[in-house]
Protein backbone atom coordinates (compact mmCIF):
# COMPACT_ATOMS: atom_id res chain seq x y z
CA MET A 1 30.09 31.63 17.32
CA GLY A 2 32.84 31.92 14.72
CA ARG A 3 35.54 34.54 15.35
CA ALA A 4 35.24 35.83 11.79
CA LEU A 5 31.50 36.44 12.12
CA LEU A 6 31.88 38.21 15.45
CA ALA A 7 34.67 40.35 14.09
CA SER A 8 32.59 41.38 11.08
CA LEU A 9 29.59 42.20 13.23
CA LEU A 10 31.69 44.28 15.61
CA ALA A 11 33.30 46.08 12.70
CA LEU A 12 29.87 46.89 11.31
CA GLN A 13 28.74 48.16 14.69
CA PHE A 14 31.74 50.47 15.02
CA ALA A 15 31.39 51.63 11.42
CA VAL A 16 27.81 52.82 11.83
CA ALA A 17 28.22 54.21 15.34
CA PRO A 18 29.10 57.76 14.24
CA ALA A 19 25.89 57.97 12.19
CA GLN A 20 23.71 57.16 15.18
CA ALA A 21 22.29 59.75 17.53
CA ALA A 22 24.72 61.02 20.11
CA GLU A 23 22.28 60.28 22.91
CA PRO A 24 23.14 56.87 24.42
CA GLU A 25 20.58 54.09 24.27
CA ARG A 26 18.33 53.88 27.27
CA CYS A 27 18.61 50.48 28.88
CA GLU A 28 16.01 50.18 31.58
CA PRO A 29 14.67 46.63 31.85
CA LYS A 30 12.17 45.75 34.50
CA LYS A 31 13.88 45.34 37.85
CA SER A 32 14.79 41.79 38.77
CA ASN A 33 14.31 39.91 42.03
CA PRO A 34 17.27 38.39 43.87
CA ALA A 35 15.47 35.12 44.66
CA ILE A 36 13.46 32.55 42.75
CA ALA A 37 11.18 29.66 43.72
CA GLU A 38 10.58 26.33 42.02
CA THR A 39 7.93 26.61 39.32
CA TRP A 40 5.08 24.26 38.42
CA ALA A 41 6.69 23.89 34.99
CA GLN A 42 9.79 22.32 36.51
CA ARG A 43 7.72 19.89 38.55
CA ARG A 44 5.48 19.01 35.60
CA LEU A 45 8.22 18.42 33.05
CA ASN A 46 10.71 16.86 35.49
CA VAL A 47 13.62 17.22 33.09
CA LYS A 48 16.07 15.97 35.71
CA SER A 49 14.74 12.47 35.03
CA VAL A 50 16.29 12.78 31.56
CA TRP A 51 19.68 14.11 32.65
CA PRO A 52 21.23 10.68 33.41
CA LEU A 53 20.84 10.06 29.66
CA THR A 54 21.62 13.52 28.31
CA MET A 55 21.78 17.17 29.32
CA GLY A 56 22.13 18.36 25.73
CA GLN A 57 25.86 17.85 25.26
CA GLY A 58 27.12 18.54 21.76
CA VAL A 59 24.02 20.44 20.63
CA THR A 60 24.05 24.14 19.70
CA VAL A 61 20.96 26.22 20.44
CA ALA A 62 20.56 29.75 19.09
CA VAL A 63 18.31 32.22 20.93
CA ILE A 64 17.04 34.93 18.59
CA ASP A 65 15.71 37.63 20.88
CA SER A 66 16.56 40.87 22.70
CA GLY A 67 20.01 39.70 23.71
CA VAL A 68 21.14 37.75 26.77
CA ASP A 69 22.68 39.05 29.98
CA GLU A 70 25.83 36.95 30.05
CA THR A 71 26.78 38.34 33.48
CA HIS A 72 23.98 36.31 35.03
CA PRO A 73 25.49 33.60 37.28
CA GLN A 74 23.34 30.87 35.69
CA ILE A 75 23.92 31.86 32.07
CA ARG A 76 26.83 30.49 30.05
CA LEU A 77 27.11 31.72 26.46
CA ALA A 78 29.23 30.06 23.80
CA GLY A 79 28.81 32.94 21.35
CA LYS A 80 26.87 36.12 20.64
CA ALA A 81 26.03 38.56 17.86
CA ASP A 82 24.28 41.92 17.78
CA LEU A 83 22.34 42.67 14.60
CA THR A 84 20.81 45.88 15.99
CA ASN A 85 24.05 47.85 16.19
CA THR A 86 23.20 48.90 19.73
CA SER A 87 25.06 46.59 22.11
CA PHE A 88 25.05 43.00 23.32
CA ARG A 89 23.08 44.03 26.42
CA ASP A 90 19.57 42.75 27.01
CA CYS A 91 17.66 45.95 27.73
CA VAL A 92 14.31 44.13 27.80
CA GLY A 93 14.96 41.02 29.88
CA HIS A 94 12.99 38.80 27.51
CA GLY A 95 15.98 37.15 25.85
CA THR A 96 17.64 36.43 29.19
CA ALA A 97 14.46 34.75 30.45
CA VAL A 98 14.22 32.62 27.30
CA ALA A 99 17.89 31.62 27.55
CA GLY A 100 17.44 30.63 31.19
CA ILE A 101 14.49 28.36 30.44
CA ILE A 102 16.58 26.56 27.83
CA ALA A 103 19.95 26.31 29.52
CA ALA A 104 20.25 27.89 32.98
CA GLN A 105 23.06 26.13 34.86
CA PRO A 106 21.90 24.07 37.85
CA ARG A 107 23.14 25.21 41.26
CA SER A 108 22.80 23.50 44.60
CA ASP A 109 21.64 26.72 46.28
CA LEU A 110 18.93 27.55 43.71
CA PRO A 111 15.75 25.67 42.71
CA PHE A 112 15.75 26.98 39.12
CA TYR A 113 17.53 25.28 36.20
CA GLY A 114 17.23 25.04 32.45
CA VAL A 115 15.89 22.14 30.41
CA ALA A 116 19.20 21.35 28.69
CA PRO A 117 22.02 23.06 30.60
CA ALA A 118 24.86 21.37 28.69
CA VAL A 119 24.05 22.85 25.27
CA ARG A 120 26.20 25.41 23.48
CA LEU A 121 24.10 28.56 23.79
CA LEU A 122 24.26 31.32 21.17
CA SER A 123 22.66 34.74 21.60
CA ILE A 124 21.66 36.59 18.42
CA LYS A 125 20.23 39.98 19.29
CA GLN A 126 17.50 40.91 16.82
CA THR A 127 15.81 43.73 18.72
CA SER A 128 16.58 46.19 21.47
CA GLY A 129 12.94 46.77 22.40
CA SER A 130 9.58 45.06 22.57
CA LEU A 131 9.18 45.37 18.78
CA GLY A 132 11.64 44.19 16.15
CA ASP A 133 12.25 44.36 12.44
CA VAL A 134 11.22 41.43 10.26
CA SER A 135 14.26 41.90 8.03
CA LEU A 136 16.55 41.57 11.06
CA LEU A 137 14.62 38.51 12.19
CA ALA A 138 15.23 36.88 8.79
CA LYS A 139 18.89 37.84 8.98
CA ALA A 140 19.15 36.42 12.51
CA ILE A 141 17.73 33.06 11.41
CA LYS A 142 20.18 32.87 8.54
CA THR A 143 23.04 33.87 10.86
CA ALA A 144 22.11 31.10 13.30
CA ALA A 145 22.03 28.61 10.44
CA ASP A 146 25.44 29.72 9.21
CA GLU A 147 26.77 29.26 12.74
CA ASN A 148 25.69 25.58 12.58
CA ALA A 149 22.93 25.76 15.16
CA ASP A 150 21.07 22.50 15.70
CA VAL A 151 18.03 24.19 17.26
CA ILE A 152 16.81 27.78 16.81
CA ASN A 153 14.38 29.32 19.29
CA VAL A 154 12.26 32.18 17.94
CA SER A 155 10.04 33.63 20.67
CA ILE A 156 8.79 36.29 18.28
CA GLN A 157 5.62 36.67 16.26
CA ALA A 158 5.90 38.55 12.98
CA SER A 159 4.07 39.04 9.72
CA ASP A 160 4.54 36.87 6.67
CA ARG A 161 7.34 38.17 4.47
CA PRO A 162 9.14 36.49 1.56
CA GLU A 163 12.55 37.15 3.14
CA LEU A 164 11.42 35.58 6.42
CA LYS A 165 10.08 32.51 4.61
CA ALA A 166 13.32 32.24 2.65
CA ALA A 167 15.38 32.37 5.85
CA VAL A 168 13.25 29.66 7.44
CA ASP A 169 13.57 27.45 4.37
CA TYR A 170 17.33 28.03 4.38
CA ALA A 171 17.64 26.90 8.00
CA ILE A 172 15.39 23.87 7.52
CA GLY A 173 17.44 22.94 4.47
CA ARG A 174 20.46 22.81 6.78
CA ASP A 175 18.64 20.30 9.00
CA ILE A 176 17.90 22.73 11.84
CA VAL A 177 14.92 22.38 14.17
CA ILE A 178 13.16 25.75 14.33
CA VAL A 179 10.97 26.15 17.42
CA ALA A 180 8.73 29.22 17.39
CA ALA A 181 6.06 30.75 19.59
CA ALA A 182 2.58 30.30 18.14
CA GLY A 183 1.83 33.85 19.24
CA ASN A 184 -0.61 35.50 21.61
CA VAL A 185 -4.09 36.68 20.72
CA THR A 186 -3.80 40.42 20.17
CA ASN A 187 -6.90 41.34 18.15
CA ASP A 188 -9.40 43.53 19.99
CA ASP A 189 -12.28 41.21 19.12
CA GLY A 190 -10.48 38.18 20.53
CA THR A 191 -9.91 36.55 17.17
CA SER A 192 -6.48 35.26 16.23
CA SER A 193 -4.31 35.52 13.15
CA PRO A 194 -1.44 33.28 12.09
CA ALA A 195 1.91 34.24 13.60
CA TYR A 196 5.13 33.81 11.70
CA PRO A 197 7.52 32.06 11.53
CA ALA A 198 5.47 29.59 13.63
CA ALA A 199 2.83 29.20 10.91
CA TYR A 200 5.32 28.16 8.23
CA ASP A 201 5.55 24.51 7.23
CA GLY A 202 8.46 22.77 8.88
CA VAL A 203 8.46 24.97 12.01
CA LEU A 204 7.56 23.49 15.41
CA ALA A 205 4.87 25.90 16.61
CA VAL A 206 4.38 26.03 20.39
CA GLY A 207 1.30 27.16 22.27
CA SER A 208 1.04 28.09 25.94
CA ALA A 209 -0.22 25.57 28.51
CA THR A 210 -1.79 26.04 31.91
CA PRO A 211 -0.72 23.89 34.88
CA ASP A 212 -3.54 21.42 34.10
CA GLY A 213 -2.32 20.95 30.54
CA GLY A 214 -4.99 23.03 28.83
CA ARG A 215 -4.44 25.96 26.48
CA SER A 216 -3.94 29.37 28.01
CA THR A 217 -6.71 31.79 27.03
CA PHE A 218 -4.21 34.14 25.40
CA SER A 219 -2.50 31.41 23.36
CA ASN A 220 -3.04 31.60 19.60
CA PRO A 221 -4.76 28.35 18.53
CA ASN A 222 -3.47 28.49 14.95
CA ALA A 223 -0.97 25.89 13.68
CA VAL A 224 -0.02 24.64 17.17
CA ALA A 225 2.08 21.46 17.18
CA VAL A 226 2.59 21.04 20.94
CA LEU A 227 2.22 23.00 24.16
CA GLY A 228 4.82 24.17 26.63
CA PRO A 229 4.35 25.78 30.05
CA GLY A 230 3.47 29.40 29.31
CA GLN A 231 1.99 31.14 32.34
CA ASP A 232 2.82 31.76 36.00
CA LEU A 233 6.49 31.15 35.23
CA SER A 234 9.80 32.36 36.63
CA SER A 235 13.17 32.59 34.94
CA THR A 236 16.49 34.39 34.82
CA TRP A 237 16.40 38.15 34.19
CA THR A 238 18.68 41.02 33.30
CA GLY A 239 20.50 42.38 36.33
CA LYS A 240 21.76 39.01 37.62
CA GLY A 241 18.37 38.25 39.16
CA TYR A 242 15.03 36.63 38.34
CA GLN A 243 11.54 37.54 37.22
CA SER A 244 8.25 35.87 38.16
CA LYS A 245 4.67 35.87 36.83
CA LEU A 246 5.89 35.54 33.26
CA GLU A 247 3.40 34.46 30.64
CA GLY A 248 3.13 34.07 26.88
CA THR A 249 3.82 31.59 24.13
CA SER A 250 7.26 33.20 23.91
CA TYR A 251 8.11 31.51 27.22
CA ALA A 252 6.47 28.23 26.20
CA ALA A 253 8.67 27.91 23.10
CA PRO A 254 12.02 27.66 24.95
CA TYR A 255 10.74 24.73 27.02
CA VAL A 256 10.13 22.85 23.78
CA ALA A 257 13.41 24.09 22.27
CA GLY A 258 15.20 22.62 25.29
CA VAL A 259 13.46 19.28 24.74
CA ALA A 260 14.42 19.38 21.06
CA ALA A 261 18.04 19.82 22.15
CA LEU A 262 17.79 16.80 24.47
CA VAL A 263 16.35 14.70 21.64
CA ARG A 264 19.05 15.78 19.20
CA ALA A 265 21.75 14.98 21.75
CA ARG A 266 20.34 11.52 22.51
CA HIS A 267 19.40 10.67 18.91
CA PRO A 268 21.98 12.39 16.68
CA ASP A 269 20.94 10.27 13.71
CA LEU A 270 17.47 11.84 13.54
CA ASP A 271 16.95 14.68 11.08
CA GLN A 272 14.94 17.77 11.97
CA LEU A 273 11.71 16.31 10.61
CA ARG A 274 11.95 13.19 12.76
CA VAL A 275 12.91 15.25 15.82
CA ARG A 276 9.77 17.35 15.42
CA ARG A 277 7.70 14.24 14.79
CA ARG A 278 9.10 12.49 17.87
CA ILE A 279 8.27 15.45 20.11
CA ALA A 280 4.70 15.52 18.82
CA LEU A 281 4.15 11.75 19.03
CA THR A 282 5.36 11.58 22.63
CA ALA A 283 3.43 14.61 23.93
CA ASP A 284 0.72 14.12 26.54
CA GLY A 285 -2.21 14.33 24.12
CA ALA A 286 -4.57 17.00 22.83
CA ASN A 287 -6.75 18.81 25.33
CA GLY A 288 -9.09 20.91 23.20
CA GLN A 289 -8.72 23.28 20.29
CA GLY A 290 -5.32 24.80 19.75
CA THR A 291 -3.44 22.32 21.91
CA GLY A 292 -1.86 20.33 19.09
CA ALA A 293 -0.49 17.05 20.45
CA GLY A 294 -0.65 18.38 24.01
CA MET A 295 1.97 19.19 26.62
CA VAL A 296 5.52 18.27 25.67
CA ASN A 297 6.90 15.27 27.56
CA PRO A 298 10.71 15.37 27.86
CA LEU A 299 11.23 11.85 29.22
CA LEU A 300 9.12 10.15 26.57
CA ALA A 301 10.55 12.35 23.82
CA VAL A 302 14.04 11.15 24.68
CA THR A 303 13.41 7.51 25.64
CA MET A 304 10.31 6.18 23.87
CA VAL A 305 10.87 3.50 21.23
CA LEU A 306 8.83 4.46 18.19
CA PRO A 307 8.01 1.55 15.87
CA SER A 308 8.09 3.92 12.92
CA GLU A 309 11.78 4.52 13.62
CA GLN A 310 12.52 0.78 13.80
CA VAL A 311 11.42 -0.15 10.25
CA ALA A 312 13.18 -3.31 9.11
CA VAL A 313 15.23 -2.76 6.00
CA ALA A 314 16.26 -5.72 3.84
CA PRO A 315 20.03 -6.12 3.68
CA PRO A 316 21.53 -4.97 0.39
CA VAL A 317 22.19 -7.59 -2.26
CA PRO A 318 25.92 -8.40 -2.20
CA PRO A 319 27.80 -7.55 -5.40
CA PRO A 320 28.70 -10.48 -7.69
CA LEU A 321 32.08 -12.07 -7.21
CA PRO A 322 34.69 -11.17 -9.82
CA ALA A 323 35.36 -13.71 -12.55
CA SER A 324 38.81 -14.37 -11.16
CA ALA A 325 37.31 -15.56 -7.86
CA VAL A 326 35.36 -18.43 -9.48
CA ARG A 327 37.31 -21.47 -10.75
CA LYS A 328 35.96 -23.02 -13.92
CA ALA A 329 34.98 -26.73 -13.87
CA VAL A 330 37.74 -29.04 -15.26
CA PRO A 331 36.48 -31.46 -17.97
CA PRO A 332 36.74 -35.19 -17.01
CA ASP A 333 39.87 -37.16 -18.11
CA GLN A 334 38.36 -40.25 -19.78
CA HIS A 335 41.72 -42.00 -20.16
CA ALA A 336 42.38 -41.68 -16.45
CA ILE A 337 38.90 -43.01 -15.73
CA ASP A 338 39.49 -46.09 -17.98
CA VAL A 339 42.85 -46.82 -16.36
CA ALA A 340 41.38 -46.49 -12.90
CA THR A 341 38.49 -48.80 -13.82
CA THR A 342 40.87 -51.46 -15.24
CA LEU A 343 43.10 -51.31 -12.19
CA ALA A 344 40.09 -51.60 -9.90
CA ALA A 345 38.81 -54.63 -11.81
CA GLY A 346 42.24 -56.26 -11.73
CA GLY A 347 42.49 -55.62 -8.04
CA LEU A 348 39.13 -57.27 -7.41
CA SER A 349 40.14 -60.34 -9.48
CA LEU A 350 43.41 -60.70 -7.64
CA ALA A 351 41.62 -60.41 -4.33
CA GLY A 352 39.18 -63.17 -5.42
CA LEU A 353 42.04 -65.43 -6.44
CA VAL A 354 43.81 -64.98 -3.12
CA ILE A 355 40.61 -65.80 -1.25
CA ALA A 356 40.08 -68.93 -3.37
CA VAL A 357 43.62 -70.18 -2.76
CA TRP A 358 43.30 -69.48 0.97
CA VAL A 359 40.10 -71.59 1.15
CA LEU A 360 40.67 -74.39 -1.39
CA VAL A 361 44.34 -75.39 -0.76
CA PRO A 362 43.71 -76.51 2.87
CA MET A 363 40.68 -78.52 1.75
CA GLY A 364 42.76 -80.33 -0.92
CA ARG A 365 45.44 -81.20 1.57
CA ARG A 366 42.94 -82.81 3.93
CA ARG A 367 41.62 -85.03 1.12
CA GLY A 368 45.05 -86.09 -0.09
CA TRP A 369 44.32 -84.25 -3.24
CA ARG A 370 41.67 -86.90 -4.20
CA PRO A 371 38.33 -86.10 -5.80
CA GLY A 372 35.46 -85.89 -3.36
CA SER A 373 32.97 -88.79 -2.82
CA SER A 374 29.86 -88.91 -4.96
CA GLY A 375 27.78 -89.97 -1.93
CA GLY A 376 27.28 -93.82 -2.81
CA SER A 377 28.36 -96.80 -0.61
CA ALA A 378 31.65 -98.69 -1.27
CA THR A 379 31.80 -102.40 -2.47
CA ASN A 380 34.42 -105.00 -1.82
């Protein structure tokens, strides 16, 4: 998080403090547990098999949520911002749980760890309660984009607003992967409505999966790209402890955001579109309505060779050589050719004469220089 941004946000917080009610904010998150057990999600995804290749180094992930408890022993923040003008504290616990799923630091004495623990983790507090403001959500997305996030996790479902759509388009235009919860079914009649920003084009919408890879009954089936573990989960919690029996697409999204960070770290040349496409193409496969491409598969997402990414491209045509690099042909010198021909002919004649002398002179000497016989017999 840039120092200038943090300074401006703090200045704003202090400037508006006198106008707020004198009564201090109540911060009473659900009590945490001191211990945590290994979850089925960790066994199913087995992200440690990817860590020899990458743990997310060099990738920045922004968590837009209720804040993050940075005093937690497994949480390591690289930056934070409070857009609510309340405090940096997580008085809900939700943001701390999301941050832990993405990047909780592995410890030898604990079975819990995040998907990509080496990422730079940013906390952008958008709400201090269970409900938030859409305008602040849009502002938080733009803030994360301005802070050069590579991946943004939005475990929030909101209504469609022009300012929210504009913020999403702004972040996508800066080549950021936006991972958002597809939302939970909240209508009394069991029907579902699109949740935003997950339903916007260009956003990786995540539904909730059961341990067998199917869709959780509460998971919104609209616009789902992939599934992430979303029920019977445990994660980090406010108060330096842990919380169990967590469920919702808001906890499925950070599993996929962590995988997106691993992909971006391993394949830095891929833009946000190809990162999203790779995650979908390497998922475990659809398993009914609302499951998209199925459960996310970290190992395949990072390691699989996709033929579509190996398209052969013809080498560029080299530029023409400059005129000075090409020597023009020299016209033939006819006089030189005639002289050379005459000399060659004279040389051949001289050689023939030498050969003739070398053969004929010895023969003449043997005959006493007399003419040869005509072949008749002699008479006396």
